[in-house]
Amino acid sequence: MDTRFDMFGNEIAAKFAKRFAGAGLVIQQSPLPKSTQELVSLRASQINGCGWCIDMHTKEAAAAGETTTRLHLVAAWRESTVFTEAERAALALAEEGTRLADAHHGVSDETWSQVRKHYDDDQVAALVALVALINAANRLAVIVHQQGGSYEPGMFAAFH
């Protein structure tokens, strides 16, 4: 499968990517823990089948010190012991916020309650924005067949 369209080589797409990255910078600079940001991004990307984003967030998390055990268990976080209760709440929100069409209730009251129990208002704002942003990024990459495997940590630092 070849990439259908170079989202980094087109003027309009490049302008959009710069603004998109700017939105991401707000989240990166928030008080939401970096490890939580990467775990949430990775889980949503797994659900959406986005090879580019899985590659990016796995490598960024590893470069930031995340363990291989935790990275390998993100897809099965409910059946593992390596995530905190706060991380589990964030992963549940990521899944329910990603699978909106799969459930009539969207994000459950139980999940929302757990998120509110573990995160303050600024962290909740960043977490909700992150789930929306990573789902948008997944869709962009999947639509154009942006394939995973070539990402290097820090590759997009210049976009900020």
Protein backbone atom coordinates (compact mmCIF):
# COMPACT_ATOMS: atom_id res chain seq x y z
CA MET A 1 0.00 0.00 0.00
CA ASP A 2 1.45 3.34 -1.04
CA THR A 3 0.76 6.70 0.57
CA ARG A 4 -2.03 8.31 -1.43
CA PHE A 5 -1.19 11.94 -0.76
CA ASP A 6 1.73 13.77 0.85
CA MET A 7 0.15 15.82 3.63
CA PHE A 8 3.55 17.36 4.33
CA GLY A 9 4.34 18.34 0.74
CA ASN A 10 1.19 20.27 -0.16
CA GLU A 11 0.96 23.97 0.75
CA ILE A 12 -2.59 23.85 2.13
CA ALA A 13 -1.97 20.58 3.97
CA ALA A 14 1.27 21.96 5.43
CA LYS A 15 -0.52 25.10 6.69
CA PHE A 16 -3.17 22.90 8.26
CA ALA A 17 -0.55 20.60 9.80
CA LYS A 18 1.21 23.57 11.41
CA ARG A 19 -2.03 24.77 13.01
CA PHE A 20 -2.96 21.22 14.00
CA ALA A 21 0.44 20.84 15.67
CA GLY A 22 -0.18 24.15 17.46
CA ALA A 23 -3.35 22.73 18.95
CA GLY A 24 -1.35 19.71 20.05
CA LEU A 25 1.20 21.96 21.70
CA VAL A 26 -1.50 23.32 24.03
CA ILE A 27 -2.12 19.76 25.21
CA GLN A 28 1.60 18.91 25.44
CA GLN A 29 2.18 21.95 27.65
CA SER A 30 -0.79 21.16 29.89
CA PRO A 31 -0.52 19.57 33.34
CA LEU A 32 -1.82 16.24 31.97
CA PRO A 33 1.07 13.81 32.55
CA LYS A 34 3.13 13.15 29.41
CA SER A 35 2.92 9.40 29.95
CA THR A 36 -0.88 9.62 30.04
CA GLN A 37 -0.87 11.70 26.86
CA GLU A 38 1.15 9.06 25.00
CA LEU A 39 -0.84 6.10 26.38
CA VAL A 40 -4.15 7.72 25.39
CA SER A 41 -2.84 8.60 21.93
CA LEU A 42 -1.52 5.08 21.46
CA ARG A 43 -4.78 3.43 22.53
CA ALA A 44 -6.98 5.54 20.27
CA SER A 45 -4.56 4.93 17.39
CA GLN A 46 -4.71 1.17 17.97
CA ILE A 47 -8.51 1.24 17.85
CA ASN A 48 -8.46 3.31 14.65
CA GLY A 49 -5.79 1.15 13.00
CA CYS A 50 -3.47 4.10 12.38
CA GLY A 51 0.00 2.68 11.78
CA TRP A 52 1.61 6.12 11.50
CA CYS A 53 0.25 7.29 14.86
CA ILE A 54 0.95 3.97 16.61
CA ASP A 55 4.54 4.23 15.38
CA MET A 56 4.84 7.85 16.50
CA HIS A 57 3.32 7.48 19.95
CA THR A 58 5.09 4.23 20.76
CA LYS A 59 8.45 5.78 19.87
CA GLU A 60 7.74 9.10 21.62
CA ALA A 61 6.64 7.25 24.76
CA ALA A 62 9.74 5.04 24.72
CA ALA A 63 11.99 8.06 24.18
CA ALA A 64 10.34 9.71 27.21
CA GLY A 65 11.14 6.64 29.34
CA GLU A 66 7.96 4.57 29.07
CA THR A 67 8.59 0.86 29.63
CA THR A 68 8.15 -1.73 26.91
CA THR A 69 5.92 -3.76 29.23
CA ARG A 70 3.42 -0.92 29.56
CA LEU A 71 3.55 -0.11 25.84
CA HIS A 72 2.89 -3.76 24.97
CA LEU A 73 -0.05 -3.92 27.38
CA VAL A 74 -1.90 -0.76 26.30
CA ALA A 75 -4.16 -2.78 23.99
CA ALA A 76 -5.11 -5.02 26.93
CA TRP A 77 -4.99 -2.48 29.73
CA ARG A 78 -8.06 -3.92 31.47
CA GLU A 79 -6.30 -7.27 31.80
CA SER A 80 -3.03 -5.91 33.17
CA THR A 81 -1.65 -4.64 36.45
CA VAL A 82 0.80 -2.01 35.20
CA PHE A 83 -1.48 1.04 34.91
CA THR A 84 -2.57 3.36 37.70
CA GLU A 85 -6.24 4.01 38.42
CA ALA A 86 -5.87 7.47 36.87
CA GLU A 87 -4.34 5.99 33.71
CA ARG A 88 -7.10 3.41 33.55
CA ALA A 89 -9.70 6.18 33.70
CA ALA A 90 -7.93 8.03 30.89
CA LEU A 91 -7.68 4.87 28.77
CA ALA A 92 -11.39 4.17 29.29
CA LEU A 93 -12.19 7.72 28.19
CA ALA A 94 -9.94 7.27 25.14
CA GLU A 95 -11.74 4.08 24.16
CA GLU A 96 -15.27 5.37 24.73
CA GLY A 97 -14.48 8.72 23.11
CA THR A 98 -13.01 6.93 20.09
CA ARG A 99 -15.80 4.38 19.69
CA LEU A 100 -18.68 6.86 19.69
CA ALA A 101 -20.50 5.09 16.86
CA ASP A 102 -20.20 1.72 18.61
CA ALA A 103 -22.24 2.65 21.67
CA HIS A 104 -25.41 4.64 22.12
CA HIS A 105 -24.17 6.29 25.30
CA GLY A 106 -20.83 7.71 24.12
CA VAL A 107 -18.73 8.21 27.23
CA SER A 108 -20.39 6.51 30.19
CA ASP A 109 -21.18 8.27 33.44
CA GLU A 110 -18.99 5.73 35.23
CA THR A 111 -15.97 6.55 33.08
CA TRP A 112 -16.60 10.27 33.39
CA SER A 113 -16.83 9.93 37.17
CA GLN A 114 -13.48 8.11 37.26
CA VAL A 115 -11.87 10.77 35.09
CA ARG A 116 -13.17 13.55 37.36
CA LYS A 117 -11.95 11.64 40.42
CA HIS A 118 -8.36 11.55 39.15
CA TYR A 119 -7.91 14.72 37.10
CA ASP A 120 -8.41 18.43 37.81
CA ASP A 121 -10.20 20.80 35.42
CA ASP A 122 -7.09 21.69 33.40
CA GLN A 123 -6.16 18.03 33.03
CA VAL A 124 -9.72 17.11 32.03
CA ALA A 125 -9.74 19.87 29.41
CA ALA A 126 -6.44 18.57 28.01
CA LEU A 127 -7.63 14.95 28.11
CA VAL A 128 -10.88 15.66 26.27
CA ALA A 129 -9.03 17.78 23.69
CA LEU A 130 -6.41 15.04 23.29
CA VAL A 131 -9.01 12.35 22.57
CA ALA A 132 -10.58 14.60 19.92
CA LEU A 133 -7.22 15.58 18.42
CA ILE A 134 -5.77 12.06 18.21
CA ASN A 135 -8.94 10.79 16.56
CA ALA A 136 -8.67 13.58 13.97
CA ALA A 137 -4.97 12.77 13.42
CA ASN A 138 -5.81 9.08 13.01
CA ARG A 139 -8.41 9.88 10.39
CA LEU A 140 -6.05 12.12 8.43
CA ALA A 141 -3.32 9.48 8.36
CA VAL A 142 -5.61 6.55 7.59
CA ILE A 143 -7.39 8.39 4.75
CA VAL A 144 -4.10 9.11 2.94
CA HIS A 145 -2.47 5.78 3.92
CA GLN A 146 0.35 7.44 5.89
CA GLN A 147 2.22 4.31 6.89
CA GLY A 148 4.04 3.64 10.11
CA GLY A 149 7.65 2.62 10.48
CA SER A 150 9.66 5.70 9.54
CA TYR A 151 8.89 8.01 12.45
CA GLU A 152 11.78 9.24 14.59
CA PRO A 153 11.19 10.75 18.05
CA GLY A 154 11.08 14.54 17.98
CA MET A 155 10.50 14.59 14.23
CA PHE A 156 7.78 17.23 14.40
CA ALA A 157 9.40 19.56 16.92
CA ALA A 158 9.94 22.10 14.11
CA PHE A 159 6.15 22.34 13.56
CA HIS A 160 5.70 23.97 16.96
